[in-house]
C-alpha atoms as a PDB file:
ATOM      1  CA  UNK A   1     -50.628  49.701  66.649  1.00  0.00           C
ATOM      2  CA  UNK A   2     -47.248  48.081  64.733  1.00  0.00           C
ATOM      3  CA  UNK A   3     -47.497  48.465  61.296  1.00  0.00           C
ATOM      4  CA  UNK A   4     -47.660  44.919  59.681  1.00  0.00           C
ATOM      5  CA  UNK A   5     -45.128  43.551  57.113  1.00  0.00           C
ATOM      6  CA  UNK A   6     -45.146  41.640  54.027  1.00  0.00           C
ATOM      7  CA  UNK A   7     -42.886  40.609  51.355  1.00  0.00           C
ATOM      8  CA  UNK A   8     -41.562  37.552  49.379  1.00  0.00           C
ATOM      9  CA  UNK A   9     -39.382  35.235  50.244  1.00  0.00           C
ATOM     10  CA  UNK A  10     -36.995  32.781  47.952  1.00  0.00           C
ATOM     11  CA  UNK A  11     -35.699  29.470  49.420  1.00  0.00           C
ATOM     12  CA  UNK A  12     -32.715  28.567  47.135  1.00  0.00           C
ATOM     13  CA  UNK A  13     -30.232  25.217  46.884  1.00  0.00           C
ATOM     14  CA  UNK A  14     -29.075  22.927  45.536  1.00  0.00           C
ATOM     15  CA  UNK A  15     -31.888  19.732  45.028  1.00  0.00           C
ATOM     16  CA  UNK A  16     -32.883  17.386  48.072  1.00  0.00           C
ATOM     17  CA  UNK A  17     -30.985  20.020  50.443  1.00  0.00           C
ATOM     18  CA  UNK A  18     -34.362  20.400  52.290  1.00  0.00           C
ATOM     19  CA  UNK A  19     -36.289  23.112  51.254  1.00  0.00           C
ATOM     20  CA  UNK A  20     -39.805  21.934  50.475  1.00  0.00           C
ATOM     21  CA  UNK A  21     -39.492  20.192  54.267  1.00  0.00           C
ATOM     22  CA  UNK A  22     -38.581  24.223  55.878  1.00  0.00           C
ATOM     23  CA  UNK A  23     -41.248  25.450  53.432  1.00  0.00           C
ATOM     24  CA  UNK A  24     -43.859  22.575  54.781  1.00  0.00           C
ATOM     25  CA  UNK A  25     -42.509  22.837  58.213  1.00  0.00           C
ATOM     26  CA  UNK A  26     -42.522  26.939  58.326  1.00  0.00           C
ATOM     27  CA  UNK A  27     -45.842  27.195  56.729  1.00  0.00           C
ATOM     28  CA  UNK A  28     -47.569  24.114  57.916  1.00  0.00           C
ATOM     29  CA  UNK A  29     -50.477  21.886  55.994  1.00  0.00           C
ATOM     30  CA  UNK A  30     -52.582  24.050  55.730  1.00  0.00           C
ATOM     31  CA  UNK A  31     -51.094  26.133  53.268  1.00  0.00           C
ATOM     32  CA  UNK A  32     -48.410  24.612  52.174  1.00  0.00           C
ATOM     33  CA  UNK A  33     -50.257  24.456  49.034  1.00  0.00           C
ATOM     34  CA  UNK A  34     -51.188  26.856  46.897  1.00  0.00           C
ATOM     35  CA  UNK A  35     -50.662  27.883  43.161  1.00  0.00           C
ATOM     36  CA  UNK A  36     -51.184  30.663  40.548  1.00  0.00           C
ATOM     37  CA  UNK A  37     -52.363  30.672  37.027  1.00  0.00           C
ATOM     38  CA  UNK A  38     -48.687  31.512  35.048  1.00  0.00           C
ATOM     39  CA  UNK A  39     -50.086  33.795  32.525  1.00  0.00           C
ATOM     40  CA  UNK A  40     -50.836  36.320  35.676  1.00  0.00           C
ATOM     41  CA  UNK A  41     -47.629  36.627  37.381  1.00  0.00           C
ATOM     42  CA  UNK A  42     -44.285  35.813  36.382  1.00  0.00           C
ATOM     43  CA  UNK A  43     -43.648  34.557  40.379  1.00  0.00           C
ATOM     44  CA  UNK A  44     -45.492  31.795  41.287  1.00  0.00           C
ATOM     45  CA  UNK A  45     -46.928  31.939  44.784  1.00  0.00           C
ATOM     46  CA  UNK A  46     -45.613  28.956  47.250  1.00  0.00           C
ATOM     47  CA  UNK A  47     -47.256  29.270  50.494  1.00  0.00           C
ATOM     48  CA  UNK A  48     -47.703  31.681  52.497  1.00  0.00           C
ATOM     49  CA  UNK A  49     -46.969  32.087  56.433  1.00  0.00           C
ATOM     50  CA  UNK A  50     -48.040  34.446  59.291  1.00  0.00           C
ATOM     51  CA  UNK A  51     -45.693  35.792  61.844  1.00  0.00           C
ATOM     52  CA  UNK A  52     -46.860  37.810  64.233  1.00  0.00           C
ATOM     53  CA  UNK A  53     -47.932  40.790  61.667  1.00  0.00           C
ATOM     54  CA  UNK A  54     -46.079  39.816  58.947  1.00  0.00           C
ATOM     55  CA  UNK A  55     -46.757  37.978  56.042  1.00  0.00           C
ATOM     56  CA  UNK A  56     -44.050  36.109  54.863  1.00  0.00           C
ATOM     57  CA  UNK A  57     -45.003  34.717  50.681  1.00  0.00           C
ATOM     58  CA  UNK A  58     -42.704  32.145  49.773  1.00  0.00           C
ATOM     59  CA  UNK A  59     -41.795  31.987  46.707  1.00  0.00           C
ATOM     60  CA  UNK A  60     -41.392  28.379  44.552  1.00  0.00           C
ATOM     61  CA  UNK A  61     -37.481  28.211  43.402  1.00  0.00           C
ATOM     62  CA  UNK A  62     -36.804  24.257  42.502  1.00  0.00           C
ATOM     63  CA  UNK A  63     -32.876  23.439  42.904  1.00  0.00           C
ATOM     64  CA  UNK A  64     -30.437  24.937  41.936  1.00  0.00           C
ATOM     65  CA  UNK A  65     -27.962  22.406  39.443  1.00  0.00           C
ATOM     66  CA  UNK A  66     -26.316  22.497  36.575  1.00  0.00           C
ATOM     67  CA  UNK A  67     -28.305  22.678  33.770  1.00  0.00           C
ATOM     68  CA  UNK A  68     -27.725  20.455  30.948  1.00  0.00           C
ATOM     69  CA  UNK A  69     -31.592  20.044  29.078  1.00  0.00           C
ATOM     70  CA  UNK A  70     -34.142  22.942  27.694  1.00  0.00           C
ATOM     71  CA  UNK A  71     -36.471  21.656  30.835  1.00  0.00           C
ATOM     72  CA  UNK A  72     -33.563  22.030  33.449  1.00  0.00           C
ATOM     73  CA  UNK A  73     -32.509  25.665  31.961  1.00  0.00           C
ATOM     74  CA  UNK A  74     -36.146  26.568  32.185  1.00  0.00           C
ATOM     75  CA  UNK A  75     -36.121  25.352  35.838  1.00  0.00           C
ATOM     76  CA  UNK A  76     -32.744  27.568  37.113  1.00  0.00           C
ATOM     77  CA  UNK A  77     -33.895  30.287  35.451  1.00  0.00           C
ATOM     78  CA  UNK A  78     -37.325  30.316  37.116  1.00  0.00           C
ATOM     79  CA  UNK A  79     -34.993  29.873  40.266  1.00  0.00           C
ATOM     80  CA  UNK A  80     -33.233  32.858  40.018  1.00  0.00           C
ATOM     81  CA  UNK A  81     -35.663  34.269  38.724  1.00  0.00           C
ATOM     82  CA  UNK A  82     -38.102  33.544  42.167  1.00  0.00           C
ATOM     83  CA  UNK A  83     -34.576  34.993  43.702  1.00  0.00           C
ATOM     84  CA  UNK A  84     -34.393  38.231  41.958  1.00  0.00           C
ATOM     85  CA  UNK A  85     -37.957  39.303  42.427  1.00  0.00           C
ATOM     86  CA  UNK A  86     -38.016  38.274  45.991  1.00  0.00           C
ATOM     87  CA  UNK A  87     -37.463  40.748  49.000  1.00  0.00           C
ATOM     88  CA  UNK A  88     -34.823  38.184  51.085  1.00  0.00           C
ATOM     89  CA  UNK A  89     -33.342  35.821  50.094  1.00  0.00           C
ATOM     90  CA  UNK A  90     -32.154  32.039  51.542  1.00  0.00           C
ATOM     91  CA  UNK A  91     -29.438  30.262  50.370  1.00  0.00           C
ATOM     92  CA  UNK A  92     -30.203  26.274  52.216  1.00  0.00           C
ATOM     93  CA  UNK A  93     -27.447  23.689  52.773  1.00  0.00           C
ATOM     94  CA  UNK A  94     -26.746  20.770  53.846  1.00  0.00           C
ATOM     95  CA  UNK A  95     -24.448  20.847  57.037  1.00  0.00           C
ATOM     96  CA  UNK A  96     -22.760  17.109  56.380  1.00  0.00           C
ATOM     97  CA  UNK A  97     -22.379  18.177  52.774  1.00  0.00           C
ATOM     98  CA  UNK A  98     -20.743  21.466  52.831  1.00  0.00           C
ATOM     99  CA  UNK A  99     -19.030  23.370  50.368  1.00  0.00           C
ATOM    100  CA  UNK A 100     -20.065  21.574  47.467  1.00  0.00           C
ATOM    101  CA  UNK A 101     -19.232  22.260  43.883  1.00  0.00           C
ATOM    102  CA  UNK A 102     -22.110  22.769  43.224  1.00  0.00           C
ATOM    103  CA  UNK A 103     -22.486  25.919  46.133  1.00  0.00           C
ATOM    104  CA  UNK A 104     -19.435  27.127  45.154  1.00  0.00           C
ATOM    105  CA  UNK A 105     -21.216  27.513  41.621  1.00  0.00           C
ATOM    106  CA  UNK A 106     -24.480  28.891  43.305  1.00  0.00           C
ATOM    107  CA  UNK A 107     -22.021  31.768  46.073  1.00  0.00           C
ATOM    108  CA  UNK A 108     -20.423  32.508  42.793  1.00  0.00           C
ATOM    109  CA  UNK A 109     -24.056  33.755  41.120  1.00  0.00           C
ATOM    110  CA  UNK A 110     -25.350  35.182  43.963  1.00  0.00           C
ATOM    111  CA  UNK A 111     -21.856  37.687  44.122  1.00  0.00           C
ATOM    112  CA  UNK A 112     -21.953  38.098  40.103  1.00  0.00           C
ATOM    113  CA  UNK A 113     -26.687  39.036  40.112  1.00  0.00           C
ATOM    114  CA  UNK A 114     -26.274  40.212  43.950  1.00  0.00           C
ATOM    115  CA  UNK A 115     -23.713  42.583  44.093  1.00  0.00           C
ATOM    116  CA  UNK A 116     -25.365  44.513  46.995  1.00  0.00           C
ATOM    117  CA  UNK A 117     -28.233  46.385  48.511  1.00  0.00           C
ATOM    118  CA  UNK A 118     -30.015  42.454  48.438  1.00  0.00           C
ATOM    119  CA  UNK A 119     -30.896  40.600  51.561  1.00  0.00           C
ATOM    120  CA  UNK A 120     -29.641  37.523  51.760  1.00  0.00           C
ATOM    121  CA  UNK A 121     -29.462  34.923  54.752  1.00  0.00           C
ATOM    122  CA  UNK A 122     -27.547  31.624  55.034  1.00  0.00           C
ATOM    123  CA  UNK A 123     -29.769  28.676  56.682  1.00  0.00           C
ATOM    124  CA  UNK A 124     -27.115  25.023  56.668  1.00  0.00           C
ATOM    125  CA  UNK A 125     -29.819  22.683  57.621  1.00  0.00           C
ATOM    126  CA  UNK A 126     -29.442  19.412  58.669  1.00  0.00           C
ATOM    127  CA  UNK A 127     -27.006  19.807  61.865  1.00  0.00           C
ATOM    128  CA  UNK A 128     -28.028  17.227  63.682  1.00  0.00           C
ATOM    129  CA  UNK A 129     -25.786  15.160  60.620  1.00  0.00           C
ATOM    130  CA  UNK A 130     -22.640  16.894  61.804  1.00  0.00           C
ATOM    131  CA  UNK A 131     -19.785  18.216  64.956  1.00  0.00           C
ATOM    132  CA  UNK A 132     -20.027  21.795  66.086  1.00  0.00           C
ATOM    133  CA  UNK A 133     -16.777  22.250  65.108  1.00  0.00           C
ATOM    134  CA  UNK A 134     -17.367  21.590  61.792  1.00  0.00           C
ATOM    135  CA  UNK A 135     -20.558  23.684  62.008  1.00  0.00           C
ATOM    136  CA  UNK A 136     -18.669  26.691  62.738  1.00  0.00           C
ATOM    137  CA  UNK A 137     -16.003  25.783  60.434  1.00  0.00           C
ATOM    138  CA  UNK A 138     -18.529  25.829  57.434  1.00  0.00           C
ATOM    139  CA  UNK A 139     -20.118  28.359  58.564  1.00  0.00           C
ATOM    140  CA  UNK A 140     -17.065  30.514  58.435  1.00  0.00           C
ATOM    141  CA  UNK A 141     -15.793  29.452  55.684  1.00  0.00           C
ATOM    142  CA  UNK A 142     -18.973  30.656  53.402  1.00  0.00           C
ATOM    143  CA  UNK A 143     -19.560  33.898  54.950  1.00  0.00           C
ATOM    144  CA  UNK A 144     -16.073  34.410  53.833  1.00  0.00           C
ATOM    145  CA  UNK A 145     -17.474  33.586  50.229  1.00  0.00           C
ATOM    146  CA  UNK A 146     -19.768  36.187  50.638  1.00  0.00           C
ATOM    147  CA  UNK A 147     -21.213  39.022  52.736  1.00  0.00           C
ATOM    148  CA  UNK A 148     -24.740  36.582  54.391  1.00  0.00           C
ATOM    149  CA  UNK A 149     -26.821  38.912  56.650  1.00  0.00           C
ATOM    150  CA  UNK A 150     -27.396  36.105  58.839  1.00  0.00           C
ATOM    151  CA  UNK A 151     -26.813  32.875  59.458  1.00  0.00           C
ATOM    152  CA  UNK A 152     -28.736  30.232  60.844  1.00  0.00           C
ATOM    153  CA  UNK A 153     -27.575  26.662  62.619  1.00  0.00           C
ATOM    154  CA  UNK A 154     -31.215  24.541  61.600  1.00  0.00           C
ATOM    155  CA  UNK A 155     -32.888  21.079  60.799  1.00  0.00           C
ATOM    156  CA  UNK A 156     -36.055  21.345  59.166  1.00  0.00           C
ATOM    157  CA  UNK A 157     -37.413  17.907  59.902  1.00  0.00           C
ATOM    158  CA  UNK A 158     -37.095  18.911  63.756  1.00  0.00           C
ATOM    159  CA  UNK A 159     -37.828  22.753  63.792  1.00  0.00           C
ATOM    160  CA  UNK A 160     -34.397  23.035  65.446  1.00  0.00           C
ATOM    161  CA  UNK A 161     -33.979  27.147  64.438  1.00  0.00           C
ATOM    162  CA  UNK A 162     -36.498  27.308  62.303  1.00  0.00           C
ATOM    163  CA  UNK A 163     -39.073  29.501  64.904  1.00  0.00           C
ATOM    164  CA  UNK A 164     -35.664  32.169  64.939  1.00  0.00           C
ATOM    165  CA  UNK A 165     -35.828  31.998  61.096  1.00  0.00           C
ATOM    166  CA  UNK A 166     -38.659  32.603  60.528  1.00  0.00           C
ATOM    167  CA  UNK A 167     -38.822  35.641  62.839  1.00  0.00           C
ATOM    168  CA  UNK A 168     -35.961  37.309  61.249  1.00  0.00           C
ATOM    169  CA  UNK A 169     -37.613  36.325  58.012  1.00  0.00           C
ATOM    170  CA  UNK A 170     -40.551  38.667  59.668  1.00  0.00           C
ATOM    171  CA  UNK A 171     -38.840  41.218  61.002  1.00  0.00           C
ATOM    172  CA  UNK A 172     -36.443  41.630  57.827  1.00  0.00           C
ATOM    173  CA  UNK A 173     -39.533  42.779  55.451  1.00  0.00           C
ATOM    174  CA  UNK A 174     -40.451  45.943  54.348  1.00  0.00           C
ATOM    175  CA  UNK A 175     -43.748  47.234  55.747  1.00  0.00           C
ATOM    176  CA  UNK A 176     -46.857  47.943  54.015  1.00  0.00           C
ATOM    177  CA  UNK A 177     -50.343  45.394  54.094  1.00  0.00           C
ATOM    178  CA  UNK A 178     -50.461  42.199  53.824  1.00  0.00           C
ATOM    179  CA  UNK A 179     -50.542  40.881  49.920  1.00  0.00           C
ATOM    180  CA  UNK A 180     -53.273  37.923  49.831  1.00  0.00           C
ATOM    181  CA  UNK A 181     -56.232  37.467  52.291  1.00  0.00           C
ATOM    182  CA  UNK A 182     -55.396  35.065  54.614  1.00  0.00           C
ATOM    183  CA  UNK A 183     -58.076  32.763  54.371  1.00  0.00           C
ATOM    184  CA  UNK A 184     -58.230  32.730  51.179  1.00  0.00           C
ATOM    185  CA  UNK A 185     -54.304  31.976  51.015  1.00  0.00           C
ATOM    186  CA  UNK A 186     -54.518  28.959  53.866  1.00  0.00           C
ATOM    187  CA  UNK A 187     -58.031  27.194  52.226  1.00  0.00           C
ATOM    188  CA  UNK A 188     -58.802  28.809  49.118  1.00  0.00           C
ATOM    189  CA  UNK A 189     -56.632  26.431  46.877  1.00  0.00           C
ATOM    190  CA  UNK A 190     -57.166  22.821  49.492  1.00  0.00           C
ATOM    191  CA  UNK A 191     -60.988  23.744  49.279  1.00  0.00           C
ATOM    192  CA  UNK A 192     -61.040  22.736  45.696  1.00  0.00           C
ATOM    193  CA  UNK A 193     -58.271  20.435  46.008  1.00  0.00           C
ATOM    194  CA  UNK A 194     -60.610  18.342  48.390  1.00  0.00           C
ATOM    195  CA  UNK A 195     -63.636  19.065  46.368  1.00  0.00           C
ATOM    196  CA  UNK A 196     -62.144  17.884  42.939  1.00  0.00           C
ATOM    197  CA  UNK A 197     -60.769  14.321  45.165  1.00  0.00           C
ATOM    198  CA  UNK A 198     -64.105  13.893  45.971  1.00  0.00           C
ATOM    199  CA  UNK A 199     -65.829  14.732  42.319  1.00  0.00           C
ATOM    200  CA  UNK A 200     -63.290  12.416  41.321  1.00  0.00           C
ATOM    201  CA  UNK A 201     -64.627   9.275  43.796  1.00  0.00           C
ATOM    202  CA  UNK A 202     -67.893  10.451  42.237  1.00  0.00           C
ATOM    203  CA  UNK A 203     -67.060   9.762  38.789  1.00  0.00           C
ATOM    204  CA  UNK A 204     -65.381   6.960  39.882  1.00  0.00           C
ATOM    205  CA  UNK A 205     -67.800   4.822  41.981  1.00  0.00           C
ATOM    206  CA  UNK A 206     -71.031   6.192  39.208  1.00  0.00           C
ATOM    207  CA  UNK A 207     -69.129   5.230  35.931  1.00  0.00           C
ATOM    208  CA  UNK A 208     -71.770   5.312  33.768  1.00  0.00           C
ATOM    209  CA  UNK A 209     -74.860   6.303  34.925  1.00  0.00           C
ATOM    210  CA  UNK A 210     -74.439   9.697  36.049  1.00  0.00           C
ATOM    211  CA  UNK A 211     -74.042  12.473  33.179  1.00  0.00           C
ATOM    212  CA  UNK A 212     -71.040  15.359  33.592  1.00  0.00           C
ATOM    213  CA  UNK A 213     -74.118  17.106  35.102  1.00  0.00           C
ATOM    214  CA  UNK A 214     -71.918  17.467  38.621  1.00  0.00           C
ATOM    215  CA  UNK A 215     -70.031  19.631  40.650  1.00  0.00           C
ATOM    216  CA  UNK A 216     -68.684  18.789  44.567  1.00  0.00           C
ATOM    217  CA  UNK A 217     -68.318  22.160  46.560  1.00  0.00           C
ATOM    218  CA  UNK A 218     -66.074  22.703  50.250  1.00  0.00           C
ATOM    219  CA  UNK A 219     -68.635  24.883  51.847  1.00  0.00           C
ATOM    220  CA  UNK A 220     -66.709  25.445  54.979  1.00  0.00           C
ATOM    221  CA  UNK A 221     -63.798  24.142  56.625  1.00  0.00           C
ATOM    222  CA  UNK A 222     -63.352  23.934  60.157  1.00  0.00           C
ATOM    223  CA  UNK A 223     -59.522  23.238  62.021  1.00  0.00           C
ATOM    224  CA  UNK A 224     -60.079  21.893  65.358  1.00  0.00           C
ATOM    225  CA  UNK A 225     -57.833  21.754  67.979  1.00  0.00           C
ATOM    226  CA  UNK A 226     -56.473  18.227  67.961  1.00  0.00           C
ATOM    227  CA  UNK A 227     -55.198  19.145  64.541  1.00  0.00           C
ATOM    228  CA  UNK A 228     -58.151  17.685  62.720  1.00  0.00           C
ATOM    229  CA  UNK A 229     -60.035  19.328  60.018  1.00  0.00           C
ATOM    230  CA  UNK A 230     -64.060  18.758  59.465  1.00  0.00           C
ATOM    231  CA  UNK A 231     -65.107  19.486  56.375  1.00  0.00           C
ATOM    232  CA  UNK A 232     -68.472  19.663  54.874  1.00  0.00           C
ATOM    233  CA  UNK A 233     -69.097  19.474  50.679  1.00  0.00           C
ATOM    234  CA  UNK A 234     -72.198  19.977  49.053  1.00  0.00           C
ATOM    235  CA  UNK A 235     -72.598  17.723  45.730  1.00  0.00           C
ATOM    236  CA  UNK A 236     -74.560  20.073  43.010  1.00  0.00           C
ATOM    237  CA  UNK A 237     -76.237  17.212  40.705  1.00  0.00           C
ATOM    238  CA  UNK A 238     -79.590  18.907  37.977  1.00  0.00           C
ATOM    239  CA  UNK A 239     -82.180  16.599  38.603  1.00  0.00           C
ATOM    240  CA  UNK A 240     -83.973  15.002  40.860  1.00  0.00           C
ATOM    241  CA  UNK A 241     -82.752  11.140  39.754  1.00  0.00           C
ATOM    242  CA  UNK A 242     -79.235  12.683  39.752  1.00  0.00           C
ATOM    243  CA  UNK A 243     -79.364  12.211  43.623  1.00  0.00           C
ATOM    244  CA  UNK A 244     -81.201   9.418  43.933  1.00  0.00           C
ATOM    245  CA  UNK A 245     -78.260   8.038  42.144  1.00  0.00           C
ATOM    246  CA  UNK A 246     -75.250   9.870  44.263  1.00  0.00           C
ATOM    247  CA  UNK A 247     -77.309   8.861  47.348  1.00  0.00           C
ATOM    248  CA  UNK A 248     -78.015   5.137  46.350  1.00  0.00           C
ATOM    249  CA  UNK A 249     -80.016   2.266  48.056  1.00  0.00           C
ATOM    250  CA  UNK A 250     -79.978   3.354  51.778  1.00  0.00           C
ATOM    251  CA  UNK A 251     -77.384   5.675  51.184  1.00  0.00           C
ATOM    252  CA  UNK A 252     -74.490   3.336  50.074  1.00  0.00           C
ATOM    253  CA  UNK A 253     -73.096   4.786  47.703  1.00  0.00           C
ATOM    254  CA  UNK A 254     -72.342   8.622  48.933  1.00  0.00           C
ATOM    255  CA  UNK A 255     -71.798   5.861  51.927  1.00  0.00           C
ATOM    256  CA  UNK A 256     -68.736   4.866  49.485  1.00  0.00           C
ATOM    257  CA  UNK A 257     -67.770   7.844  47.926  1.00  0.00           C
ATOM    258  CA  UNK A 258     -67.618   9.792  51.474  1.00  0.00           C
ATOM    259  CA  UNK A 259     -65.340   6.969  53.100  1.00  0.00           C
ATOM    260  CA  UNK A 260     -63.256   6.706  49.869  1.00  0.00           C
ATOM    261  CA  UNK A 261     -62.923  10.460  49.845  1.00  0.00           C
ATOM    262  CA  UNK A 262     -61.884  10.719  52.995  1.00  0.00           C
ATOM    263  CA  UNK A 263     -58.914   8.630  53.295  1.00  0.00           C
ATOM    264  CA  UNK A 264     -57.128  10.644  50.438  1.00  0.00           C
ATOM    265  CA  UNK A 265     -57.453  13.711  51.199  1.00  0.00           C
ATOM    266  CA  UNK A 266     -56.471  13.198  54.672  1.00  0.00           C
ATOM    267  CA  UNK A 267     -53.316  11.005  53.472  1.00  0.00           C
ATOM    268  CA  UNK A 268     -52.853  14.190  51.191  1.00  0.00           C
ATOM    269  CA  UNK A 269     -53.209  16.380  53.779  1.00  0.00           C
ATOM    270  CA  UNK A 270     -52.002  14.373  56.422  1.00  0.00           C
ATOM    271  CA  UNK A 271     -53.811  14.564  59.235  1.00  0.00           C
ATOM    272  CA  UNK A 272     -57.807  13.453  59.978  1.00  0.00           C
ATOM    273  CA  UNK A 273     -60.515  14.123  58.581  1.00  0.00           C
ATOM    274  CA  UNK A 274     -64.034  14.493  59.573  1.00  0.00           C
ATOM    275  CA  UNK A 275     -65.745  14.544  55.834  1.00  0.00           C
ATOM    276  CA  UNK A 276     -69.543  15.733  55.641  1.00  0.00           C
ATOM    277  CA  UNK A 277     -71.550  15.550  52.327  1.00  0.00           C
ATOM    278  CA  UNK A 278     -75.050  16.903  51.594  1.00  0.00           C
ATOM    279  CA  UNK A 279     -76.199  16.211  47.800  1.00  0.00           C
ATOM    280  CA  UNK A 280     -77.971  19.351  46.277  1.00  0.00           C
ATOM    281  CA  UNK A 281     -80.208  19.659  43.231  1.00  0.00           C
ATOM    282  CA  UNK A 282     -79.748  22.445  41.348  1.00  0.00           C
ATOM    283  CA  UNK A 283     -81.267  22.611  37.944  1.00  0.00           C
ATOM    284  CA  UNK A 284     -79.266  25.478  37.155  1.00  0.00           C
ATOM    285  CA  UNK A 285     -75.880  25.146  37.767  1.00  0.00           C
ATOM    286  CA  UNK A 286     -73.899  24.735  34.411  1.00  0.00           C
ATOM    287  CA  UNK A 287     -74.896  28.436  33.986  1.00  0.00           C
ATOM    288  CA  UNK A 288     -74.028  29.680  37.135  1.00  0.00           C
ATOM    289  CA  UNK A 289     -70.708  31.723  37.471  1.00  0.00           C
ATOM    290  CA  UNK A 290     -70.040  31.608  41.461  1.00  0.00           C
ATOM    291  CA  UNK A 291     -70.569  27.842  40.570  1.00  0.00           C
ATOM    292  CA  UNK A 292     -67.054  28.336  38.530  1.00  0.00           C
ATOM    293  CA  UNK A 293     -65.170  30.652  40.348  1.00  0.00           C
ATOM    294  CA  UNK A 294     -65.766  27.404  43.026  1.00  0.00           C
ATOM    295  CA  UNK A 295     -63.689  25.279  40.042  1.00  0.00           C
ATOM    296  CA  UNK A 296     -61.470  27.659  40.153  1.00  0.00           C
ATOM    297  CA  UNK A 297     -62.580  28.704  36.185  1.00  0.00           C
ATOM    298  CA  UNK A 298     -63.795  32.516  34.514  1.00  0.00           C
ATOM    299  CA  UNK A 299     -66.935  32.171  33.056  1.00  0.00           C
ATOM    300  CA  UNK A 300     -66.177  34.230  30.343  1.00  0.00           C
ATOM    301  CA  UNK A 301     -64.415  31.647  29.522  1.00  0.00           C
ATOM    302  CA  UNK A 302     -67.238  29.759  28.526  1.00  0.00           C
ATOM    303  CA  UNK A 303     -68.580  32.534  26.090  1.00  0.00           C
ATOM    304  CA  UNK A 304     -69.838  31.220  22.803  1.00  0.00           C
END
């Protein structure tokens, strides 16, 4: 059996070079939003892509630029920190902007920080905006400035060349077990976000009628072949009387909540959503560790 591979990839470049577009193209809406608490790991996880038997974990790197404020310096430091922790670094530049002073500064820093032994690839983005001759000249100038392991001509927006880059990244990662369970990375963060969106719609709709003793959990998340997703959620309330309030007269309240939540989740995911809500009475949910886990909280943190 072919060995599995896994590792970290840092996408670096100037602001607006197309890193987010490339990331979303590689990872897909299902797994494009993954976050970890800063306290638990220095590297913030942005998204995970699966290519064959390889798991590509992208690290979050803000755009690189000349920092002026404390916040700017912190962002740039985070970007270079993410690159330093990665197995592979991909420098993304815009074809029509070429070798700008900002790109030159990044190349200079790459030479200083990674003199040898680090795999760094070049991805020239937005290739549809310039002629082939100009692309070849730009590629030569950049490769003369830094010894890139490979050069890729891509259009992150249209998808040209992205699969080639993804396959190469998968092959370049070290052999080893996957770093994260596929379903956890793919679904858990989005499940939480979808549940929070529905809970907010409950709060907006019910105003002061219902105490804070209400929580929402995403029970199931099913990807459909037509690109849509079916989401089943449970609304837990503490008392029988609360269930009636959430349902409303002839189910009008729960219907309105469902419509509002579905619209927001669909807009967030940029895809059709089929949302099904169910209200359950669970008197002691506030004392159940499992409910806290579903919300991304540590039950022990609630100890007095």
